[in-house]
Amino acid sequence: MKTIVICSGGLDSVSLAHMVAQEHQLTRLVSFDYGQRHRKELDFAALCAERLGVPHNIIDLRSIGAVLTGSALTDDIDVPDGHYEEDSMRVTVVPNRNAIMLTVAFGFAAAQGDEAVATAVHGGDHFIYPDCRPAFTESFEKMQKFALDGYANVALHTPFVHQSKADIVTAGARYNTPFDLTWSCYKGGAQQCGRCGTCVERREAFHLAGVTDPTSYADPDFWTAALARQAGV
């Protein structure tokens, strides 16, 4: 199946790209610049495309991102430290982000003659991000059938939507994903911080999967305290 992968350069989407490259026909990686503070992730998406030998398209959505205000990922708001399942992480929501990106990717796929769009949404995202939940992805795919009716037939491929981040690490290892060449940190510094929600989740996932984490973190031990706090210990 000719498949486009939406790739942010993070652990999830890069693992997905390696999976698709082996299981399907990977045609290209598509990334989005929506004015995110951690846009250095796009460099890691470019490295992934080069490694897998496919084109890499960066779609400029900065003018759209500029009006999706109120998120710590786009505005001058501190990115909170802690686990994703803490209420403080809701400030990292960018309204309708995945819905917008998927709509563009589906149009791109239809124009290019591709048969599927793959995205790495997963079970760990459900608590905070409504457009990562199965109800959304299933409804979105049905909507696109109507949007492209008579023009193209493009499927939505979400192999991780019912899985955990640890499951993604396990799958990524199976498909030889170079985890050290992925970027997760929302703070976008010189080194992944180890404290923001996505760093804590990343560190926990490697632990649960029993896979060595090759990532260099500014604060490599913070995740244990974050998990204890989230569990009320």
Foldseek 3Di string as FASTA:
>chain_A
DEEEEAFQLALQRLLVQLVCLVVHPDAEYEYEPQQFLQSCSVVLVVVSCVVSVHYYHYHYNPVVSVPQDQAPRHDVDDQAFFACLDPVNLSNDRPCVVVVVVVVVLVVCLVVVGAEYEYRQADSCVNRYVCSAPVNQVVSLVVVCVVCPPRGHYGYHHPHSHHALLVSVVSSVVSVRPNQSGDFASNNDPFRACTGHRNLSNLVSCVVNVHDHPGDHPDNPVSVVRVCVVVVD
